Structures are given as C-alpha cells and as structure tokens.
Amino acid sequence: MVQKIQTLYVDDLDGSQAEGTVHFSLDGFDYEIDLNAAHARALRKALEKYIEAGRRVSQAPGRGSRRSRASRTGPNSSSEVRAWARRQGIEVSARGRIPSDVIARFNEETGA
C-alpha cells in the first residue's frame, strides 16, 4: 500500500495558498509565518533597509534565543562586568557586546 502525504501551506495573512514558511527574528524572539509569494516579497521589502544597515550573525544549532544568551554573566548585569573590567585595566566599550573572554574572566575571578 502506498501512502502520499501532502502539506498545504495557507497564508497566515489572507488565507490564500502560501508558498512556504518565512522565518525571522526580532528582539530575541524567533518567528515564522506562512506567506504567499507576494506577501513574502512585501515582508522582505519592508525589512530591506534594516537588513542592509544591520550586521548578519549566525546562530549555532541548539543555541537559545538572545534572551537566554544574556544570562551568560549570571545574575550580574553588563554594567557590573564593564565596571569590573575597567578596574582590572581591561578596555571594554561602553555599549555593545562584551567579549566572551572578559565575561569568562569576570565569572572566574568573582565567583559568579
């Protein structure tokens, strides 16, 4: 006996037949939406200037969202890590990502 399973995608905006699923992330949350070709183009067009101005990052398989990565420093805030680094004579930027080696050293030396 032969069995054929067919998956039909339905556009989440208007209920028409969708071509597939579009995945995107924003503010640490991952989203997916089934869209037809026109809606997929419209979404990409709307995001185009932000994508061009942004930086592409890769996410290793099995890694959580940005929110879970924020806990790398434990209960300590980025400002605590930056202040500690400056006291140690380590140069860190006032904003942005703190290098992982600085966070690791902070955790080691403070017992965090």
C-alpha atoms as a PDB file:
ATOM      1  CA  MET A   1       0.000   0.000   0.000  1.00  0.00           C
ATOM      2  CA  VAL A   2       1.385   3.403  -0.994  1.00  0.00           C
ATOM      3  CA  GLN A   3       0.613   6.457   1.033  1.00  0.00           C
ATOM      4  CA  LYS A   4       1.115  10.038  -0.113  1.00  0.00           C
ATOM      5  CA  ILE A   5       1.111  12.841   2.421  1.00  0.00           C
ATOM      6  CA  GLN A   6       0.735  16.356   1.110  1.00  0.00           C
ATOM      7  CA  THR A   7       1.301  19.505   3.137  1.00  0.00           C
ATOM      8  CA  LEU A   8      -0.662  22.571   2.097  1.00  0.00           C
ATOM      9  CA  TYR A   9       0.542  25.927   3.314  1.00  0.00           C
ATOM     10  CA  VAL A  10      -2.066  28.615   3.943  1.00  0.00           C
ATOM     11  CA  ASP A  11      -1.079  32.281   4.002  1.00  0.00           C
ATOM     12  CA  ASP A  12      -1.415  33.479   7.593  1.00  0.00           C
ATOM     13  CA  LEU A  13      -2.478  36.949   6.441  1.00  0.00           C
ATOM     14  CA  ASP A  14      -5.290  36.271   3.994  1.00  0.00           C
ATOM     15  CA  GLY A  15      -5.922  32.527   3.875  1.00  0.00           C
ATOM     16  CA  SER A  16      -4.732  32.099   0.277  1.00  0.00           C
ATOM     17  CA  GLN A  17      -2.354  29.313  -0.757  1.00  0.00           C
ATOM     18  CA  ALA A  18       1.115  30.023   0.635  1.00  0.00           C
ATOM     19  CA  GLU A  19       4.384  29.042  -0.997  1.00  0.00           C
ATOM     20  CA  GLY A  20       6.094  28.264   2.271  1.00  0.00           C
ATOM     21  CA  THR A  21       7.253  29.471   5.642  1.00  0.00           C
ATOM     22  CA  VAL A  22       9.327  32.605   6.241  1.00  0.00           C
ATOM     23  CA  HIS A  23      11.475  32.661   9.400  1.00  0.00           C
ATOM     24  CA  PHE A  24      12.695  35.848  11.083  1.00  0.00           C
ATOM     25  CA  SER A  25      13.837  37.093  14.481  1.00  0.00           C
ATOM     26  CA  LEU A  26      13.265  40.338  16.334  1.00  0.00           C
ATOM     27  CA  ASP A  27      14.217  41.424  19.847  1.00  0.00           C
ATOM     28  CA  GLY A  28      15.468  37.960  20.757  1.00  0.00           C
ATOM     29  CA  PHE A  29      12.336  36.123  19.633  1.00  0.00           C
ATOM     30  CA  ASP A  30      12.129  33.818  16.616  1.00  0.00           C
ATOM     31  CA  TYR A  31       9.055  33.950  14.394  1.00  0.00           C
ATOM     32  CA  GLU A  32       7.757  32.022  11.422  1.00  0.00           C
ATOM     33  CA  ILE A  33       4.862  32.854   9.150  1.00  0.00           C
ATOM     34  CA  ASP A  34       3.381  31.083   6.144  1.00  0.00           C
ATOM     35  CA  LEU A  35       3.105  33.509   3.222  1.00  0.00           C
ATOM     36  CA  ASN A  36       2.270  33.554  -0.461  1.00  0.00           C
ATOM     37  CA  ALA A  37       4.906  34.937  -2.843  1.00  0.00           C
ATOM     38  CA  ALA A  38       3.509  38.490  -2.853  1.00  0.00           C
ATOM     39  CA  HIS A  39       3.350  38.743   0.945  1.00  0.00           C
ATOM     40  CA  ALA A  40       6.835  37.229   1.315  1.00  0.00           C
ATOM     41  CA  ARG A  41       8.214  39.854  -1.108  1.00  0.00           C
ATOM     42  CA  ALA A  42       6.383  42.623   0.789  1.00  0.00           C
ATOM     43  CA  LEU A  43       7.859  41.465   4.121  1.00  0.00           C
ATOM     44  CA  ARG A  44      11.371  41.321   2.669  1.00  0.00           C
ATOM     45  CA  LYS A  45      10.915  44.742   1.039  1.00  0.00           C
ATOM     46  CA  ALA A  46       9.718  46.256   4.335  1.00  0.00           C
ATOM     47  CA  LEU A  47      12.776  44.894   6.158  1.00  0.00           C
ATOM     48  CA  GLU A  48      15.279  45.583   3.364  1.00  0.00           C
ATOM     49  CA  LYS A  49      16.744  48.880   4.642  1.00  0.00           C
ATOM     50  CA  TYR A  50      17.141  47.443   8.156  1.00  0.00           C
ATOM     51  CA  ILE A  51      18.792  44.271   6.857  1.00  0.00           C
ATOM     52  CA  GLU A  52      21.207  46.310   4.715  1.00  0.00           C
ATOM     53  CA  ALA A  53      22.144  48.532   7.668  1.00  0.00           C
ATOM     54  CA  GLY A  54      22.374  45.664  10.163  1.00  0.00           C
ATOM     55  CA  ARG A  55      25.002  43.018  10.819  1.00  0.00           C
ATOM     56  CA  ARG A  56      24.368  39.401   9.984  1.00  0.00           C
ATOM     57  CA  VAL A  57      25.019  36.962  12.810  1.00  0.00           C
ATOM     58  CA  SER A  58      24.949  33.213  12.763  1.00  0.00           C
ATOM     59  CA  GLN A  59      23.431  31.127  15.485  1.00  0.00           C
ATOM     60  CA  ALA A  60      24.841  27.698  16.236  1.00  0.00           C
ATOM     61  CA  PRO A  61      22.334  24.839  16.220  1.00  0.00           C
ATOM     62  CA  GLY A  62      20.789  24.229  19.611  1.00  0.00           C
ATOM     63  CA  ARG A  63      21.520  27.705  20.934  1.00  0.00           C
ATOM     64  CA  GLY A  64      18.690  29.546  22.585  1.00  0.00           C
ATOM     65  CA  SER A  65      17.372  32.952  21.740  1.00  0.00           C
ATOM     66  CA  ARG A  66      19.104  36.192  22.665  1.00  0.00           C
ATOM     67  CA  ARG A  67      17.261  36.286  25.954  1.00  0.00           C
ATOM     68  CA  SER A  68      18.850  33.043  27.118  1.00  0.00           C
ATOM     69  CA  ARG A  69      22.304  34.191  25.998  1.00  0.00           C
ATOM     70  CA  ALA A  70      22.024  37.260  28.233  1.00  0.00           C
ATOM     71  CA  SER A  71      22.348  35.002  31.270  1.00  0.00           C
ATOM     72  CA  ARG A  72      25.992  34.182  30.469  1.00  0.00           C
ATOM     73  CA  THR A  73      27.151  36.597  33.108  1.00  0.00           C
ATOM     74  CA  GLY A  74      24.838  35.012  35.633  1.00  0.00           C
ATOM     75  CA  PRO A  75      22.852  37.412  37.756  1.00  0.00           C
ATOM     76  CA  ASN A  76      25.324  40.217  37.075  1.00  0.00           C
ATOM     77  CA  SER A  77      24.476  42.992  34.680  1.00  0.00           C
ATOM     78  CA  SER A  78      26.638  44.127  31.794  1.00  0.00           C
ATOM     79  CA  SER A  79      27.365  47.347  33.687  1.00  0.00           C
ATOM     80  CA  GLU A  80      28.832  45.313  36.580  1.00  0.00           C
ATOM     81  CA  VAL A  81      31.061  43.380  34.186  1.00  0.00           C
ATOM     82  CA  ARG A  82      32.184  46.601  32.467  1.00  0.00           C
ATOM     83  CA  ALA A  83      32.971  48.293  35.791  1.00  0.00           C
ATOM     84  CA  TRP A  84      34.937  45.249  36.971  1.00  0.00           C
ATOM     85  CA  ALA A  85      36.856  45.130  33.667  1.00  0.00           C
ATOM     86  CA  ARG A  86      37.807  48.797  33.901  1.00  0.00           C
ATOM     87  CA  ARG A  87      39.061  48.279  37.482  1.00  0.00           C
ATOM     88  CA  GLN A  88      41.240  45.447  36.127  1.00  0.00           C
ATOM     89  CA  GLY A  89      42.614  47.711  33.393  1.00  0.00           C
ATOM     90  CA  ILE A  90      40.745  45.833  30.671  1.00  0.00           C
ATOM     91  CA  GLU A  91      39.452  48.036  27.875  1.00  0.00           C
ATOM     92  CA  VAL A  92      35.765  47.449  27.125  1.00  0.00           C
ATOM     93  CA  SER A  93      33.368  49.568  25.112  1.00  0.00           C
ATOM     94  CA  ALA A  94      30.626  51.474  26.893  1.00  0.00           C
ATOM     95  CA  ARG A  95      27.998  49.798  24.713  1.00  0.00           C
ATOM     96  CA  GLY A  96      27.577  46.623  22.726  1.00  0.00           C
ATOM     97  CA  ARG A  97      28.763  43.083  23.225  1.00  0.00           C
ATOM     98  CA  ILE A  98      31.263  42.313  25.950  1.00  0.00           C
ATOM     99  CA  PRO A  99      33.941  39.880  24.703  1.00  0.00           C
ATOM    100  CA  SER A 100      33.363  36.337  25.955  1.00  0.00           C
ATOM    101  CA  ASP A 101      36.904  36.089  27.376  1.00  0.00           C
ATOM    102  CA  VAL A 102      36.212  39.142  29.567  1.00  0.00           C
ATOM    103  CA  ILE A 103      32.959  37.601  30.800  1.00  0.00           C
ATOM    104  CA  ALA A 104      34.693  34.283  31.491  1.00  0.00           C
ATOM    105  CA  ARG A 105      37.464  36.021  33.446  1.00  0.00           C
ATOM    106  CA  PHE A 106      34.859  38.056  35.378  1.00  0.00           C
ATOM    107  CA  ASN A 107      32.985  34.868  36.268  1.00  0.00           C
ATOM    108  CA  GLU A 108      36.194  33.104  37.338  1.00  0.00           C
ATOM    109  CA  GLU A 109      37.550  35.913  39.451  1.00  0.00           C
ATOM    110  CA  THR A 110      34.303  36.975  41.104  1.00  0.00           C
ATOM    111  CA  GLY A 111      32.869  33.504  41.534  1.00  0.00           C
ATOM    112  CA  ALA A 112      29.788  34.477  39.534  1.00  0.00           C
END
